[in-house]
Amino acid sequence: MKMSPEGYTEYKTREFCNDIKCPVQITLNNLKDKPETYELIRQTCRSACRQTAWQFHHWLIEKGYLIVKTKDTTER
């Protein structure tokens, strides 16, 4: 189970996409009742996203998000 540190909010899936009004995401939002078409278009997000990691990372910073990693207990 994922748990955000106290006082922090976890990023919600597709929050970035919705906030920047990604045209693919807008289409997906309108296809909730058409699962076959939704899944076909969603492949764009997985293999040909129109945004870059740099854009996403800077959006996270602008919105006050932190990237937190759970400490790996197997590390020495």
N, C-alpha and C. Protein backbone atom coordinates (compact mmCIF):
# COMPACT_ATOMS: atom_id res chain seq x y z
N MET A 1 0.84 -1.18 0.00
CA MET A 1 0.00 0.00 0.00
C MET A 1 0.89 1.25 0.00
N LYS A 2 0.60 2.17 -0.91
CA LYS A 2 1.36 3.42 -0.97
C LYS A 2 0.86 4.36 0.12
N MET A 3 1.79 5.01 0.75
CA MET A 3 1.43 5.99 1.77
C MET A 3 2.30 7.22 1.58
N SER A 4 1.66 8.36 1.51
CA SER A 4 2.40 9.61 1.41
C SER A 4 2.92 9.97 2.80
N PRO A 5 4.10 10.60 2.84
CA PRO A 5 4.58 11.09 4.14
C PRO A 5 3.55 12.06 4.73
N GLU A 6 3.49 12.12 6.03
CA GLU A 6 2.53 13.00 6.70
C GLU A 6 2.68 14.44 6.21
N GLY A 7 1.55 15.03 5.90
CA GLY A 7 1.54 16.42 5.44
C GLY A 7 1.72 16.58 3.94
N TYR A 8 1.83 15.47 3.21
CA TYR A 8 2.05 15.52 1.77
C TYR A 8 0.90 14.83 1.05
N THR A 9 0.66 15.24 -0.19
CA THR A 9 -0.36 14.64 -1.04
C THR A 9 0.33 13.90 -2.16
N GLU A 10 -0.15 12.72 -2.47
CA GLU A 10 0.43 11.92 -3.54
C GLU A 10 -0.10 12.40 -4.90
N TYR A 11 0.76 12.34 -5.90
CA TYR A 11 0.38 12.69 -7.27
C TYR A 11 -0.73 11.75 -7.74
N LYS A 12 -1.75 12.31 -8.35
CA LYS A 12 -2.85 11.49 -8.89
C LYS A 12 -2.57 11.21 -10.36
N THR A 13 -2.81 10.00 -10.77
CA THR A 13 -2.59 9.59 -12.15
C THR A 13 -3.25 10.56 -13.12
N ARG A 14 -2.50 10.96 -14.11
CA ARG A 14 -2.95 11.84 -15.19
C ARG A 14 -3.26 13.27 -14.76
N GLU A 15 -2.86 13.64 -13.55
CA GLU A 15 -3.07 15.01 -13.07
C GLU A 15 -2.34 16.00 -13.97
N PHE A 16 -1.11 15.68 -14.34
CA PHE A 16 -0.32 16.51 -15.26
C PHE A 16 -1.04 16.64 -16.60
N CYS A 17 -1.45 15.51 -17.15
CA CYS A 17 -2.09 15.49 -18.47
C CYS A 17 -3.35 16.35 -18.50
N ASN A 18 -4.15 16.23 -17.44
CA ASN A 18 -5.37 17.03 -17.36
C ASN A 18 -5.06 18.50 -17.16
N ASP A 19 -4.06 18.80 -16.33
CA ASP A 19 -3.74 20.19 -16.04
C ASP A 19 -3.22 20.94 -17.26
N ILE A 20 -2.41 20.28 -18.09
CA ILE A 20 -1.87 20.95 -19.28
C ILE A 20 -2.82 20.85 -20.47
N LYS A 21 -3.95 20.20 -20.24
CA LYS A 21 -4.97 20.02 -21.27
C LYS A 21 -4.41 19.30 -22.50
N CYS A 22 -3.74 18.19 -22.23
CA CYS A 22 -3.20 17.37 -23.31
C CYS A 22 -4.34 16.91 -24.21
N PRO A 23 -4.20 17.10 -25.53
CA PRO A 23 -5.30 16.72 -26.45
C PRO A 23 -5.63 15.22 -26.39
N VAL A 24 -4.62 14.40 -26.16
CA VAL A 24 -4.89 12.96 -26.05
C VAL A 24 -5.71 12.70 -24.79
N GLN A 25 -5.35 13.35 -23.69
CA GLN A 25 -6.09 13.16 -22.44
C GLN A 25 -7.52 13.67 -22.55
N ILE A 26 -7.70 14.78 -23.23
CA ILE A 26 -9.06 15.31 -23.43
C ILE A 26 -9.90 14.30 -24.18
N THR A 27 -9.32 13.69 -25.21
CA THR A 27 -10.03 12.66 -25.97
C THR A 27 -10.36 11.48 -25.06
N LEU A 28 -9.39 11.05 -24.26
CA LEU A 28 -9.62 9.93 -23.34
C LEU A 28 -10.73 10.24 -22.35
N ASN A 29 -10.76 11.46 -21.85
CA ASN A 29 -11.81 11.84 -20.89
C ASN A 29 -13.19 11.73 -21.51
N ASN A 30 -13.27 11.92 -22.82
CA ASN A 30 -14.56 11.83 -23.50
C ASN A 30 -14.92 10.42 -23.95
N LEU A 31 -14.04 9.46 -23.69
CA LEU A 31 -14.26 8.08 -24.14
C LEU A 31 -14.47 7.10 -22.99
N LYS A 32 -14.82 7.57 -21.83
CA LYS A 32 -14.99 6.69 -20.67
C LYS A 32 -16.02 5.59 -20.93
N ASP A 33 -17.01 5.87 -21.77
CA ASP A 33 -18.06 4.90 -22.05
C ASP A 33 -17.76 4.03 -23.27
N LYS A 34 -16.54 4.16 -23.84
CA LYS A 34 -16.15 3.36 -25.00
C LYS A 34 -14.79 2.71 -24.70
N PRO A 35 -14.78 1.66 -23.89
CA PRO A 35 -13.51 1.08 -23.42
C PRO A 35 -12.57 0.59 -24.52
N GLU A 36 -13.08 0.08 -25.61
CA GLU A 36 -12.20 -0.42 -26.68
C GLU A 36 -11.44 0.73 -27.32
N THR A 37 -12.14 1.79 -27.67
CA THR A 37 -11.52 2.96 -28.28
C THR A 37 -10.57 3.63 -27.29
N TYR A 38 -11.00 3.71 -26.03
CA TYR A 38 -10.19 4.31 -24.98
C TYR A 38 -8.83 3.62 -24.90
N GLU A 39 -8.82 2.31 -24.86
CA GLU A 39 -7.58 1.55 -24.75
C GLU A 39 -6.68 1.74 -25.97
N LEU A 40 -7.26 1.83 -27.15
CA LEU A 40 -6.47 2.06 -28.35
C LEU A 40 -5.77 3.42 -28.31
N ILE A 41 -6.50 4.44 -27.93
CA ILE A 41 -5.92 5.78 -27.88
C ILE A 41 -4.94 5.91 -26.73
N ARG A 42 -5.20 5.21 -25.65
CA ARG A 42 -4.31 5.27 -24.47
C ARG A 42 -2.91 4.76 -24.80
N GLN A 43 -2.79 3.93 -25.82
CA GLN A 43 -1.48 3.45 -26.24
C GLN A 43 -0.56 4.61 -26.63
N THR A 44 -1.15 5.71 -27.10
CA THR A 44 -0.37 6.90 -27.44
C THR A 44 0.40 7.37 -26.21
N CYS A 45 -0.25 7.35 -25.07
CA CYS A 45 0.39 7.79 -23.83
C CYS A 45 1.57 6.89 -23.46
N ARG A 46 1.42 5.62 -23.71
CA ARG A 46 2.46 4.67 -23.34
C ARG A 46 3.65 4.68 -24.28
N SER A 47 3.41 4.89 -25.56
CA SER A 47 4.49 4.74 -26.52
C SER A 47 4.89 6.01 -27.27
N ALA A 48 4.03 7.02 -27.25
CA ALA A 48 4.33 8.23 -28.03
C ALA A 48 3.79 9.48 -27.34
N CYS A 49 4.06 9.60 -26.05
CA CYS A 49 3.59 10.77 -25.30
C CYS A 49 4.12 12.04 -25.96
N ARG A 50 3.27 13.04 -26.03
CA ARG A 50 3.64 14.30 -26.68
C ARG A 50 4.45 15.22 -25.76
N GLN A 51 4.52 14.88 -24.49
CA GLN A 51 5.27 15.69 -23.53
C GLN A 51 6.60 15.00 -23.22
N THR A 52 7.52 15.76 -22.67
CA THR A 52 8.82 15.20 -22.32
C THR A 52 8.92 15.01 -20.82
N ALA A 53 9.88 14.19 -20.41
CA ALA A 53 10.14 14.00 -18.99
C ALA A 53 10.53 15.34 -18.36
N TRP A 54 11.27 16.16 -19.09
CA TRP A 54 11.68 17.47 -18.60
C TRP A 54 10.45 18.32 -18.29
N GLN A 55 9.47 18.33 -19.20
CA GLN A 55 8.26 19.12 -18.99
C GLN A 55 7.50 18.61 -17.75
N PHE A 56 7.39 17.29 -17.64
CA PHE A 56 6.69 16.70 -16.50
C PHE A 56 7.42 17.02 -15.20
N HIS A 57 8.72 16.87 -15.20
CA HIS A 57 9.52 17.13 -14.00
C HIS A 57 9.36 18.58 -13.55
N HIS A 58 9.43 19.51 -14.49
CA HIS A 58 9.29 20.93 -14.14
C HIS A 58 7.88 21.28 -13.72
N TRP A 59 6.89 20.61 -14.27
CA TRP A 59 5.51 20.80 -13.83
C TRP A 59 5.39 20.35 -12.37
N LEU A 60 5.99 19.20 -12.06
CA LEU A 60 5.96 18.71 -10.67
C LEU A 60 6.56 19.74 -9.72
N ILE A 61 7.70 20.30 -10.10
CA ILE A 61 8.37 21.30 -9.26
C ILE A 61 7.47 22.53 -9.09
N GLU A 62 6.89 23.01 -10.19
CA GLU A 62 6.03 24.20 -10.13
C GLU A 62 4.82 23.97 -9.23
N LYS A 63 4.33 22.75 -9.18
CA LYS A 63 3.15 22.42 -8.37
C LYS A 63 3.53 22.04 -6.94
N GLY A 64 4.82 22.03 -6.63
CA GLY A 64 5.26 21.76 -5.27
C GLY A 64 5.44 20.30 -4.92
N TYR A 65 5.47 19.44 -5.93
CA TYR A 65 5.66 18.01 -5.67
C TYR A 65 7.13 17.70 -5.41
N LEU A 66 7.35 16.69 -4.61
CA LEU A 66 8.68 16.16 -4.35
C LEU A 66 8.70 14.73 -4.85
N ILE A 67 9.83 14.29 -5.33
CA ILE A 67 9.97 12.90 -5.73
C ILE A 67 10.64 12.19 -4.57
N VAL A 68 9.94 11.22 -4.00
CA VAL A 68 10.41 10.53 -2.81
C VAL A 68 10.55 9.05 -3.12
N LYS A 69 11.63 8.47 -2.67
CA LYS A 69 11.87 7.05 -2.88
C LYS A 69 11.94 6.36 -1.52
N THR A 70 11.28 5.23 -1.43
CA THR A 70 11.34 4.44 -0.22
C THR A 70 12.75 3.87 -0.08
N LYS A 71 13.29 3.92 1.10
CA LYS A 71 14.63 3.39 1.32
C LYS A 71 14.60 1.88 1.09
N ASP A 72 15.52 1.42 0.25
CA ASP A 72 15.64 -0.01 -0.06
C ASP A 72 16.36 -0.67 1.10
N THR A 73 15.69 -1.57 1.77
CA THR A 73 16.27 -2.22 2.95
C THR A 73 17.36 -3.23 2.58
N THR A 74 17.52 -3.54 1.30
CA THR A 74 18.55 -4.49 0.89
C THR A 74 19.86 -3.79 0.60
N GLU A 75 19.86 -2.44 0.53
CA GLU A 75 21.10 -1.70 0.28
C GLU A 75 22.02 -1.81 1.50
N ARG A 76 23.30 -1.77 1.25
CA ARG A 76 24.27 -1.86 2.37
C ARG A 76 25.04 -0.61 2.48
